[in-house]
C-alpha atoms as a PDB file:
ATOM      1  CA  MET A   1     -62.090 -49.585  15.182  1.00  0.00           C
ATOM      2  CA  THR A   2     -62.734 -47.967  18.507  1.00  0.00           C
ATOM      3  CA  PRO A   3     -62.039 -44.270  19.128  1.00  0.00           C
ATOM      4  CA  GLN A   4     -59.356 -45.310  21.578  1.00  0.00           C
ATOM      5  CA  SER A   5     -57.523 -47.393  18.984  1.00  0.00           C
ATOM      6  CA  GLY A   6     -57.714 -44.530  16.474  1.00  0.00           C
ATOM      7  CA  THR A   7     -56.201 -42.186  19.006  1.00  0.00           C
ATOM      8  CA  THR A   8     -53.459 -44.674  19.728  1.00  0.00           C
ATOM      9  CA  ASN A   9     -52.643 -45.078  16.030  1.00  0.00           C
ATOM     10  CA  GLY A  10     -52.487 -41.300  15.590  1.00  0.00           C
ATOM     11  CA  MET A  11     -50.103 -40.956  18.491  1.00  0.00           C
ATOM     12  CA  THR A  12     -47.969 -43.745  17.038  1.00  0.00           C
ATOM     13  CA  ASP A  13     -47.831 -42.041  13.633  1.00  0.00           C
ATOM     14  CA  ARG A  14     -46.868 -38.722  15.186  1.00  0.00           C
ATOM     15  CA  ALA A  15     -44.195 -40.427  17.263  1.00  0.00           C
ATOM     16  CA  ALA A  16     -42.809 -42.146  14.165  1.00  0.00           C
ATOM     17  CA  GLY A  17     -42.774 -38.842  12.304  1.00  0.00           C
ATOM     18  CA  GLY A  18     -41.041 -37.197  15.232  1.00  0.00           C
ATOM     19  CA  LEU A  19     -38.344 -39.886  15.176  1.00  0.00           C
ATOM     20  CA  GLN A  20     -37.796 -39.531  11.440  1.00  0.00           C
ATOM     21  CA  ARG A  21     -37.181 -35.781  11.498  1.00  0.00           C
ATOM     22  CA  PRO A  22     -34.144 -35.951  13.823  1.00  0.00           C
ATOM     23  CA  ARG A  23     -32.669 -38.660  11.602  1.00  0.00           C
ATOM     24  CA  LYS A  24     -32.798 -36.282   8.643  1.00  0.00           C
ATOM     25  CA  VAL A  25     -31.257 -33.535  10.746  1.00  0.00           C
ATOM     26  CA  PHE A  26     -28.486 -35.862  11.869  1.00  0.00           C
ATOM     27  CA  ARG A  27     -27.822 -36.941   8.291  1.00  0.00           C
ATOM     28  CA  MET A  28     -27.529 -33.320   7.156  1.00  0.00           C
ATOM     29  CA  ALA A  29     -25.216 -32.566  10.080  1.00  0.00           C
ATOM     30  CA  ASP A  30     -23.024 -35.552   9.223  1.00  0.00           C
ATOM     31  CA  LEU A  31     -22.943 -34.508   5.570  1.00  0.00           C
ATOM     32  CA  SER A  32     -21.979 -30.922   6.374  1.00  0.00           C
ATOM     33  CA  GLN A  33     -19.327 -32.135   8.815  1.00  0.00           C
ATOM     34  CA  ALA A  34     -17.855 -34.475   6.217  1.00  0.00           C
ATOM     35  CA  LEU A  35     -17.885 -31.694   3.610  1.00  0.00           C
ATOM     36  CA  GLY A  36     -16.172 -29.294   5.994  1.00  0.00           C
ATOM     37  CA  PHE A  37     -13.561 -31.902   6.891  1.00  0.00           C
ATOM     38  CA  PHE A  38     -12.911 -32.558   3.197  1.00  0.00           C
ATOM     39  CA  CYS A  39     -12.446 -28.838   2.503  1.00  0.00           C
ATOM     40  CA  LEU A  40     -10.090 -28.578   5.478  1.00  0.00           C
ATOM     41  CA  ILE A  41      -7.959 -31.476   4.236  1.00  0.00           C
ATOM     42  CA  LEU A  42      -7.952 -29.962   0.741  1.00  0.00           C
ATOM     43  CA  CYS A  43      -6.709 -26.609   2.058  1.00  0.00           C
ATOM     44  CA  ILE A  44      -3.970 -28.329   4.061  1.00  0.00           C
ATOM     45  CA  LEU A  45      -2.858 -30.295   1.006  1.00  0.00           C
ATOM     46  CA  PHE A  46      -2.758 -27.128  -1.111  1.00  0.00           C
ATOM     47  CA  ALA A  47      -0.681 -25.356   1.543  1.00  0.00           C
ATOM     48  CA  LEU A  48       1.722 -28.294   1.832  1.00  0.00           C
ATOM     49  CA  PHE A  49       1.979 -28.507  -1.954  1.00  0.00           C
ATOM     50  CA  PHE A  50       2.949 -24.860  -2.359  1.00  0.00           C
ATOM     51  CA  LEU A  51       5.331 -25.030   0.604  1.00  0.00           C
ATOM     52  CA  GLY A  52       6.976 -28.152  -0.799  1.00  0.00           C
ATOM     53  CA  THR A  53       7.196 -26.568  -4.253  1.00  0.00           C
ATOM     54  CA  LEU A  54       8.842 -23.473  -2.785  1.00  0.00           C
ATOM     55  CA  ILE A  55      11.387 -25.480  -0.807  1.00  0.00           C
ATOM     56  CA  TYR A  56      12.149 -27.742  -3.778  1.00  0.00           C
ATOM     57  CA  PHE A  57      12.510 -24.822  -6.189  1.00  0.00           C
ATOM     58  CA  ILE A  58      14.907 -22.890  -3.934  1.00  0.00           C
ATOM     59  CA  THR A  59      16.861 -26.006  -2.964  1.00  0.00           C
ATOM     60  CA  ALA A  60      17.232 -27.255  -6.539  1.00  0.00           C
ATOM     61  CA  ARG A  61      18.589 -23.918  -7.760  1.00  0.00           C
ATOM     62  CA  GLY A  62      20.642 -22.967  -4.727  1.00  0.00           C
ATOM     63  CA  ILE A  63      22.217 -26.190  -3.502  1.00  0.00           C
ATOM     64  CA  SER A  64      24.868 -26.168  -6.254  1.00  0.00           C
ATOM     65  CA  VAL A  65      26.577 -23.048  -4.868  1.00  0.00           C
ATOM     66  CA  ILE A  66      26.520 -24.112  -1.205  1.00  0.00           C
ATOM     67  CA  SER A  67      29.971 -25.019   0.062  1.00  0.00           C
ATOM     68  CA  TRP A  68      32.182 -24.407   3.073  1.00  0.00           C
ATOM     69  CA  GLU A  69      33.837 -21.542   1.208  1.00  0.00           C
ATOM     70  CA  PHE A  70      30.440 -20.024   0.405  1.00  0.00           C
ATOM     71  CA  LEU A  71      29.420 -20.128   4.076  1.00  0.00           C
ATOM     72  CA  THR A  72      32.644 -18.869   5.649  1.00  0.00           C
ATOM     73  CA  GLU A  73      34.331 -16.407   3.280  1.00  0.00           C
ATOM     74  CA  VAL A  74      33.652 -12.806   2.263  1.00  0.00           C
ATOM     75  CA  PRO A  75      32.508 -11.883  -1.260  1.00  0.00           C
ATOM     76  CA  ARG A  76      35.178 -11.292  -3.902  1.00  0.00           C
ATOM     77  CA  ARG A  77      35.349 -10.182  -7.538  1.00  0.00           C
ATOM     78  CA  ALA A  78      32.190  -8.080  -7.606  1.00  0.00           C
ATOM     79  CA  MET A  79      30.390 -10.698  -5.518  1.00  0.00           C
ATOM     80  CA  THR A  80      30.861 -13.438  -8.118  1.00  0.00           C
ATOM     81  CA  LYS A  81      33.392 -15.368  -6.029  1.00  0.00           C
ATOM     82  CA  GLY A  82      33.948 -16.084  -2.372  1.00  0.00           C
ATOM     83  CA  GLY A  83      31.089 -16.429   0.068  1.00  0.00           C
ATOM     84  CA  VAL A  84      28.377 -14.634   1.971  1.00  0.00           C
ATOM     85  CA  ALA A  85      29.569 -15.033   5.557  1.00  0.00           C
ATOM     86  CA  PRO A  86      29.192 -11.302   6.403  1.00  0.00           C
ATOM     87  CA  ALA A  87      25.582 -11.390   5.190  1.00  0.00           C
ATOM     88  CA  ILE A  88      24.818 -14.457   7.327  1.00  0.00           C
ATOM     89  CA  VAL A  89      26.352 -12.847  10.409  1.00  0.00           C
ATOM     90  CA  GLY A  90      24.568  -9.562   9.699  1.00  0.00           C
ATOM     91  CA  THR A  91      21.181 -11.247   9.363  1.00  0.00           C
ATOM     92  CA  PHE A  92      21.750 -13.052  12.654  1.00  0.00           C
ATOM     93  CA  TYR A  93      22.740  -9.823  14.421  1.00  0.00           C
ATOM     94  CA  LEU A  94      19.730  -7.921  13.100  1.00  0.00           C
ATOM     95  CA  THR A  95      17.271 -10.692  13.963  1.00  0.00           C
ATOM     96  CA  VAL A  96      18.596 -11.227  17.478  1.00  0.00           C
ATOM     97  CA  GLY A  97      18.792  -7.479  18.085  1.00  0.00           C
ATOM     98  CA  ALA A  98      15.246  -6.892  16.870  1.00  0.00           C
ATOM     99  CA  MET A  99      13.749  -9.681  18.971  1.00  0.00           C
ATOM    100  CA  SER A 100      15.797  -8.641  22.021  1.00  0.00           C
ATOM    101  CA  PHE A 101      14.125  -5.241  21.763  1.00  0.00           C
ATOM    102  CA  ALA A 102      10.629  -6.313  20.727  1.00  0.00           C
ATOM    103  CA  LEU A 103      10.033  -9.329  22.977  1.00  0.00           C
ATOM    104  CA  PRO A 104      10.468  -7.716  26.436  1.00  0.00           C
ATOM    105  CA  LEU A 105       8.638  -4.547  25.403  1.00  0.00           C
ATOM    106  CA  GLY A 106       5.824  -6.428  23.675  1.00  0.00           C
ATOM    107  CA  LEU A 107       5.385  -8.794  26.601  1.00  0.00           C
ATOM    108  CA  ALA A 108       5.300  -5.891  29.069  1.00  0.00           C
ATOM    109  CA  CYS A 109       2.645  -4.123  26.976  1.00  0.00           C
ATOM    110  CA  ALA A 110       0.557  -7.300  26.780  1.00  0.00           C
ATOM    111  CA  ILE A 111       0.767  -7.834  30.557  1.00  0.00           C
ATOM    112  CA  TYR A 112      -0.361  -4.275  31.206  1.00  0.00           C
ATOM    113  CA  LEU A 113      -3.244  -4.429  28.724  1.00  0.00           C
ATOM    114  CA  CYS A 114      -4.480  -7.791  30.040  1.00  0.00           C
ATOM    115  CA  GLU A 115      -3.847  -7.510  33.780  1.00  0.00           C
ATOM    116  CA  TYR A 116      -3.586  -3.872  34.836  1.00  0.00           C
ATOM    117  CA  SER A 117      -5.284  -1.549  32.351  1.00  0.00           C
ATOM    118  CA  PRO A 118      -8.775  -0.311  33.286  1.00  0.00           C
ATOM    119  CA  ALA A 119     -11.591  -1.163  30.920  1.00  0.00           C
ATOM    120  CA  GLY A 120     -12.576   1.783  28.780  1.00  0.00           C
ATOM    121  CA  SER A 121     -12.539   3.409  25.384  1.00  0.00           C
ATOM    122  CA  ILE A 122      -8.897   4.517  25.645  1.00  0.00           C
ATOM    123  CA  VAL A 123      -7.668   0.944  26.097  1.00  0.00           C
ATOM    124  CA  ASN A 124      -9.882  -0.199  23.216  1.00  0.00           C
ATOM    125  CA  ILE A 125      -8.361   2.500  21.003  1.00  0.00           C
ATOM    126  CA  ILE A 126      -4.860   1.358  21.992  1.00  0.00           C
ATOM    127  CA  ARG A 127      -5.684  -2.247  21.121  1.00  0.00           C
ATOM    128  CA  LEU A 128      -7.206  -1.198  17.800  1.00  0.00           C
ATOM    129  CA  SER A 129      -4.109   0.863  17.009  1.00  0.00           C
ATOM    130  CA  ILE A 130      -1.853  -2.104  17.763  1.00  0.00           C
ATOM    131  CA  ASN A 131      -3.859  -4.317  15.418  1.00  0.00           C
ATOM    132  CA  ASN A 132      -3.720  -1.660  12.692  1.00  0.00           C
ATOM    133  CA  LEU A 133       0.045  -1.256  13.080  1.00  0.00           C
ATOM    134  CA  ALA A 134       0.453  -4.942  12.242  1.00  0.00           C
ATOM    135  CA  GLY A 135      -0.809  -4.180   8.727  1.00  0.00           C
ATOM    136  CA  VAL A 136       1.457  -1.202   7.996  1.00  0.00           C
ATOM    137  CA  PRO A 137       3.803  -1.885   5.031  1.00  0.00           C
ATOM    138  CA  SER A 138       7.391  -2.592   5.996  1.00  0.00           C
ATOM    139  CA  VAL A 139       8.717   0.242   3.828  1.00  0.00           C
ATOM    140  CA  VAL A 140       6.857   2.702   6.071  1.00  0.00           C
ATOM    141  CA  PHE A 141       8.671   1.296   9.096  1.00  0.00           C
ATOM    142  CA  GLY A 142      11.906   1.664   7.146  1.00  0.00           C
ATOM    143  CA  LEU A 143      11.262   5.349   6.461  1.00  0.00           C
ATOM    144  CA  PHE A 144      10.324   5.853  10.118  1.00  0.00           C
ATOM    145  CA  GLY A 145      13.551   4.203  11.256  1.00  0.00           C
ATOM    146  CA  PHE A 146      15.574   6.320   8.833  1.00  0.00           C
ATOM    147  CA  ALA A 147      13.960   9.559  10.017  1.00  0.00           C
ATOM    148  CA  VAL A 148      14.117   8.773  13.753  1.00  0.00           C
ATOM    149  CA  PHE A 149      17.051   6.463  14.464  1.00  0.00           C
ATOM    150  CA  VAL A 150      19.399   7.381  11.618  1.00  0.00           C
ATOM    151  CA  LYS A 151      18.771  11.145  11.523  1.00  0.00           C
ATOM    152  CA  VAL A 152      17.245  12.357  14.803  1.00  0.00           C
ATOM    153  CA  PHE A 153      19.064  10.068  17.243  1.00  0.00           C
ATOM    154  CA  GLY A 154      22.208  10.075  15.125  1.00  0.00           C
ATOM    155  CA  PHE A 155      22.788   6.319  15.143  1.00  0.00           C
ATOM    156  CA  GLY A 156      23.560   6.396  11.433  1.00  0.00           C
ATOM    157  CA  VAL A 157      23.103   3.458   9.089  1.00  0.00           C
ATOM    158  CA  SER A 158      23.988   0.742  11.566  1.00  0.00           C
ATOM    159  CA  ILE A 159      23.022  -2.513  13.225  1.00  0.00           C
ATOM    160  CA  LEU A 160      21.418  -0.558  16.063  1.00  0.00           C
ATOM    161  CA  SER A 161      19.172   1.470  13.748  1.00  0.00           C
ATOM    162  CA  GLY A 162      18.165  -1.612  11.776  1.00  0.00           C
ATOM    163  CA  SER A 163      17.488  -3.709  14.878  1.00  0.00           C
ATOM    164  CA  LEU A 164      15.317  -1.015  16.466  1.00  0.00           C
ATOM    165  CA  THR A 165      13.388  -0.535  13.218  1.00  0.00           C
ATOM    166  CA  LEU A 166      12.790  -4.261  12.797  1.00  0.00           C
ATOM    167  CA  GLY A 167      11.872  -4.535  16.484  1.00  0.00           C
ATOM    168  CA  ILE A 168       9.218  -1.831  16.159  1.00  0.00           C
ATOM    169  CA  MET A 169       7.873  -3.596  13.080  1.00  0.00           C
ATOM    170  CA  ALA A 170       7.597  -6.888  15.020  1.00  0.00           C
ATOM    171  CA  LEU A 171       6.132  -5.256  18.130  1.00  0.00           C
ATOM    172  CA  PRO A 172       2.409  -5.319  17.132  1.00  0.00           C
ATOM    173  CA  GLY A 173       2.507  -9.022  16.292  1.00  0.00           C
ATOM    174  CA  ILE A 174       4.227  -9.935  19.552  1.00  0.00           C
ATOM    175  CA  ILE A 175       1.803  -7.821  21.602  1.00  0.00           C
ATOM    176  CA  SER A 176      -1.238  -9.392  19.925  1.00  0.00           C
ATOM    177  CA  ALA A 177       0.070 -12.954  20.288  1.00  0.00           C
ATOM    178  CA  SER A 178       1.039 -12.362  23.925  1.00  0.00           C
ATOM    179  CA  GLN A 179      -2.374 -10.890  24.721  1.00  0.00           C
ATOM    180  CA  GLU A 180      -4.171 -13.890  23.259  1.00  0.00           C
ATOM    181  CA  ALA A 181      -1.903 -16.284  25.153  1.00  0.00           C
ATOM    182  CA  ILE A 182      -2.380 -14.473  28.478  1.00  0.00           C
ATOM    183  CA  LEU A 183      -6.152 -14.222  28.060  1.00  0.00           C
ATOM    184  CA  ALA A 184      -6.279 -17.968  27.311  1.00  0.00           C
ATOM    185  CA  VAL A 185      -4.947 -18.823  30.788  1.00  0.00           C
ATOM    186  CA  PRO A 186      -7.898 -20.213  32.813  1.00  0.00           C
ATOM    187  CA  GLN A 187      -9.215 -17.813  35.428  1.00  0.00           C
ATOM    188  CA  SER A 188      -9.236 -20.656  37.951  1.00  0.00           C
ATOM    189  CA  TYR A 189      -5.415 -20.743  37.847  1.00  0.00           C
ATOM    190  CA  LYS A 190      -5.231 -17.106  38.885  1.00  0.00           C
ATOM    191  CA  GLU A 191      -7.898 -17.490  41.558  1.00  0.00           C
ATOM    192  CA  ALA A 192      -6.130 -20.501  43.061  1.00  0.00           C
ATOM    193  CA  SER A 193      -2.837 -18.607  43.218  1.00  0.00           C
ATOM    194  CA  LEU A 194      -4.430 -15.566  44.831  1.00  0.00           C
ATOM    195  CA  ALA A 195      -6.276 -17.795  47.301  1.00  0.00           C
ATOM    196  CA  LEU A 196      -2.940 -19.238  48.436  1.00  0.00           C
ATOM    197  CA  GLY A 197      -1.738 -15.757  49.337  1.00  0.00           C
ATOM    198  CA  ALA A 198       0.260 -14.806  46.244  1.00  0.00           C
ATOM    199  CA  THR A 199       0.260 -11.197  45.116  1.00  0.00           C
ATOM    200  CA  HIS A 200      -0.991 -10.128  41.708  1.00  0.00           C
ATOM    201  CA  TRP A 201       2.545  -9.813  40.332  1.00  0.00           C
ATOM    202  CA  GLN A 202       3.599 -13.159  41.796  1.00  0.00           C
ATOM    203  CA  THR A 203       0.574 -14.752  40.138  1.00  0.00           C
ATOM    204  CA  ILE A 204       1.527 -13.219  36.804  1.00  0.00           C
ATOM    205  CA  ARG A 205       5.179 -14.233  37.102  1.00  0.00           C
ATOM    206  CA  LYS A 206       4.715 -17.745  38.503  1.00  0.00           C
ATOM    207  CA  VAL A 207       1.384 -18.844  37.013  1.00  0.00           C
ATOM    208  CA  VAL A 208       0.209 -16.727  34.084  1.00  0.00           C
ATOM    209  CA  LEU A 209       3.449 -16.308  32.129  1.00  0.00           C
ATOM    210  CA  PRO A 210       4.638 -19.947  32.337  1.00  0.00           C
ATOM    211  CA  THR A 211       1.201 -21.152  31.242  1.00  0.00           C
ATOM    212  CA  ALA A 212       0.998 -18.602  28.426  1.00  0.00           C
ATOM    213  CA  LEU A 213       4.577 -19.121  27.239  1.00  0.00           C
ATOM    214  CA  PRO A 214       3.742 -21.630  24.442  1.00  0.00           C
ATOM    215  CA  GLY A 215       1.370 -19.111  22.860  1.00  0.00           C
ATOM    216  CA  ILE A 216       3.909 -16.318  23.285  1.00  0.00           C
ATOM    217  CA  LEU A 217       6.583 -18.424  21.585  1.00  0.00           C
ATOM    218  CA  THR A 218       4.194 -19.017  18.693  1.00  0.00           C
ATOM    219  CA  GLY A 219       4.053 -15.269  18.145  1.00  0.00           C
ATOM    220  CA  VAL A 220       7.834 -15.101  18.363  1.00  0.00           C
ATOM    221  CA  ILE A 221       8.200 -17.833  15.723  1.00  0.00           C
ATOM    222  CA  LEU A 222       5.963 -15.972  13.274  1.00  0.00           C
ATOM    223  CA  ASN A 223       7.768 -12.670  13.798  1.00  0.00           C
ATOM    224  CA  VAL A 224      11.269 -14.145  13.564  1.00  0.00           C
ATOM    225  CA  GLY A 225      10.545 -15.258  10.011  1.00  0.00           C
ATOM    226  CA  ARG A 226       9.213 -11.841   9.079  1.00  0.00           C
ATOM    227  CA  VAL A 227      12.095  -9.941  10.688  1.00  0.00           C
ATOM    228  CA  ALA A 228      14.809 -12.122   9.149  1.00  0.00           C
ATOM    229  CA  GLY A 229      13.365 -11.839   5.652  1.00  0.00           C
ATOM    230  CA  GLU A 230      12.573  -8.114   5.438  1.00  0.00           C
ATOM    231  CA  THR A 231      14.471  -5.956   2.976  1.00  0.00           C
ATOM    232  CA  ALA A 232      12.783  -2.539   2.983  1.00  0.00           C
ATOM    233  CA  PRO A 233      13.391  -1.589   6.656  1.00  0.00           C
ATOM    234  CA  ILE A 234      17.109  -2.414   6.570  1.00  0.00           C
ATOM    235  CA  LEU A 235      17.494  -0.829   3.137  1.00  0.00           C
ATOM    236  CA  PHE A 236      17.254   2.601   4.797  1.00  0.00           C
ATOM    237  CA  THR A 237      18.689   1.858   8.226  1.00  0.00           C
ATOM    238  CA  ALA A 238      21.327  -0.882   8.329  1.00  0.00           C
ATOM    239  CA  ALA A 239      22.303  -2.624   5.107  1.00  0.00           C
ATOM    240  CA  THR A 240      25.324  -1.965   2.953  1.00  0.00           C
ATOM    241  CA  PHE A 241      26.002  -3.294  -0.522  1.00  0.00           C
ATOM    242  CA  TYR A 242      29.425  -4.754   0.220  1.00  0.00           C
ATOM    243  CA  THR A 243      31.871  -5.105   3.087  1.00  0.00           C
ATOM    244  CA  ARG A 244      35.160  -6.954   3.370  1.00  0.00           C
ATOM    245  CA  GLY A 245      34.774  -7.937   7.004  1.00  0.00           C
ATOM    246  CA  TYR A 246      32.421  -8.315   9.913  1.00  0.00           C
ATOM    247  CA  PRO A 247      30.840  -5.526  11.979  1.00  0.00           C
ATOM    248  CA  ASP A 248      32.866  -4.523  15.022  1.00  0.00           C
ATOM    249  CA  SER A 249      30.130  -2.613  16.893  1.00  0.00           C
ATOM    250  CA  VAL A 250      26.401  -1.925  16.874  1.00  0.00           C
ATOM    251  CA  PHE A 251      27.115   1.329  15.010  1.00  0.00           C
ATOM    252  CA  SER A 252      28.620  -0.467  12.000  1.00  0.00           C
ATOM    253  CA  GLU A 253      26.911  -1.001   8.676  1.00  0.00           C
ATOM    254  CA  VAL A 254      26.182  -4.605   7.924  1.00  0.00           C
ATOM    255  CA  MET A 255      25.464  -6.915   5.040  1.00  0.00           C
ATOM    256  CA  ALA A 256      22.248  -8.932   5.309  1.00  0.00           C
ATOM    257  CA  LEU A 257      20.917 -11.848   3.295  1.00  0.00           C
ATOM    258  CA  PRO A 258      17.619 -10.233   2.157  1.00  0.00           C
ATOM    259  CA  TYR A 259      19.359  -7.104   0.908  1.00  0.00           C
ATOM    260  CA  HIS A 260      22.194  -9.161  -0.589  1.00  0.00           C
ATOM    261  CA  ILE A 261      19.661 -11.162  -2.611  1.00  0.00           C
ATOM    262  CA  TYR A 262      18.053  -7.921  -3.783  1.00  0.00           C
ATOM    263  CA  ALA A 263      21.427  -6.461  -4.766  1.00  0.00           C
ATOM    264  CA  LEU A 264      22.484  -9.571  -6.668  1.00  0.00           C
ATOM    265  CA  MET A 265      19.255  -9.689  -8.674  1.00  0.00           C
ATOM    266  CA  THR A 266      19.051  -5.958  -9.493  1.00  0.00           C
ATOM    267  CA  GLU A 267      22.577  -4.517  -9.523  1.00  0.00           C
ATOM    268  CA  GLY A 268      24.789  -7.401 -10.559  1.00  0.00           C
ATOM    269  CA  THR A 269      27.265  -7.228 -13.435  1.00  0.00           C
ATOM    270  CA  ARG A 270      27.183 -10.969 -14.213  1.00  0.00           C
ATOM    271  CA  PRO A 271      23.578 -12.185 -13.898  1.00  0.00           C
ATOM    272  CA  GLU A 272      24.393 -15.711 -15.076  1.00  0.00           C
ATOM    273  CA  VAL A 273      26.646 -16.194 -12.030  1.00  0.00           C
ATOM    274  CA  GLN A 274      24.940 -13.988  -9.478  1.00  0.00           C
ATOM    275  CA  THR A 275      21.496 -15.517  -9.973  1.00  0.00           C
ATOM    276  CA  GLY A 276      22.757 -18.847  -8.640  1.00  0.00           C
ATOM    277  CA  ILE A 277      24.391 -17.062  -5.698  1.00  0.00           C
ATOM    278  CA  ALA A 278      21.084 -15.321  -4.977  1.00  0.00           C
ATOM    279  CA  TYR A 279      19.293 -18.678  -4.842  1.00  0.00           C
ATOM    280  CA  GLY A 280      22.031 -19.977  -2.550  1.00  0.00           C
ATOM    281  CA  CYS A 281      21.472 -16.998  -0.235  1.00  0.00           C
ATOM    282  CA  SER A 282      17.730 -17.697  -0.322  1.00  0.00           C
ATOM    283  CA  LEU A 283      18.360 -21.294   0.712  1.00  0.00           C
ATOM    284  CA  ILE A 284      20.598 -20.177   3.591  1.00  0.00           C
ATOM    285  CA  LEU A 285      18.003 -17.641   4.729  1.00  0.00           C
ATOM    286  CA  LEU A 286      15.297 -20.298   4.607  1.00  0.00           C
ATOM    287  CA  CYS A 287      17.419 -22.714   6.645  1.00  0.00           C
ATOM    288  CA  LEU A 288      18.287 -19.986   9.167  1.00  0.00           C
ATOM    289  CA  VAL A 289      14.632 -19.100   9.707  1.00  0.00           C
ATOM    290  CA  LEU A 290      13.648 -22.775   9.951  1.00  0.00           C
ATOM    291  CA  ALA A 291      16.425 -23.427  12.482  1.00  0.00           C
ATOM    292  CA  ILE A 292      15.370 -20.529  14.712  1.00  0.00           C
ATOM    293  CA  SER A 293      11.723 -21.548  14.388  1.00  0.00           C
ATOM    294  CA  ALA A 294      12.558 -25.178  15.212  1.00  0.00           C
ATOM    295  CA  LEU A 295      14.373 -24.074  18.361  1.00  0.00           C
ATOM    296  CA  ALA A 296      11.377 -22.001  19.425  1.00  0.00           C
ATOM    297  CA  ILE A 297       9.016 -24.916  18.700  1.00  0.00           C
ATOM    298  CA  ILE A 298      11.143 -27.255  20.845  1.00  0.00           C
ATOM    299  CA  LEU A 299      11.085 -24.764  23.715  1.00  0.00           C
ATOM    300  CA  ARG A 300       7.329 -24.365  23.302  1.00  0.00           C
ATOM    301  CA  GLN A 301       6.712 -28.113  23.423  1.00  0.00           C
ATOM    302  CA  ARG A 302       8.905 -28.521  26.509  1.00  0.00           C
ATOM    303  CA  GLN A 303       6.987 -25.734  28.199  1.00  0.00           C
ATOM    304  CA  ARG A 304       3.662 -27.374  27.340  1.00  0.00           C
ATOM    305  CA  ILE A 305       4.836 -30.672  28.806  1.00  0.00           C
ATOM    306  CA  THR A 306       6.128 -28.969  31.951  1.00  0.00           C
ATOM    307  CA  TYR A 307       3.003 -26.941  32.674  1.00  0.00           C
ATOM    308  CA  GLY A 308       0.424 -29.094  30.905  1.00  0.00           C
ATOM    309  CA  SER A 309      -0.858 -26.212  28.770  1.00  0.00           C
END
């Protein structure tokens, strides 16, 4: 064997070894990717299982009391007869009122923080405070609403007090979701609009907000479910145990499904009857939240198709 052939064989061996190492790396990468995908599918299946179990459990126990009378009449005979129409209407009023307050204010705050606020420690503190407010227990918001809206402003226990309290509770989530949606808009969109002669506000109104709207609606969907299902905030600010009719102004007390469920399960005189009514109210509340969420999802998908976001 000549020295040249030995050198050639050594280079060949090193080349072969160099080709084998990437194969092992690729195999490990494929294995880790497959394992991660399996864990992801497993988590999704667990989530779907518990969601399906929840829906089945509530539907199976509540569907027997659902009727036209149950949906359209007022409660009678210590809430063991009649329906829950005032509670359905009250929940709708409170949810719409809360989102009517929280959505414009939250969107305005997000626009300012993303587009106009100067970079600095003060803005960072504001953003940190908003994120921390999202984790405050709902009963704290209820006590705040009672102290401020019911007592200081003199609104009393009313739809207005409850809507403002629920709106403040939903505000941090809407601000955070709107910020993320606005920051996700490509910078090239803004630059192209400004290059065509549009002002900063015109760019925000015509380019940024339409593109970010699907993400904003996602935040709205999440907060609608939370607002509609809260009991503690309206316990101090809006809800009443029983009413014969419907509210005639924003300063009226109101029945609401979450509080009605709580009252039936804790203060009822005939648990064997009222437990079924409570499950029926839970089913109605679930359907109401799903209907509002479905409407928001449809609007979000139409917006994505329109603007390609």
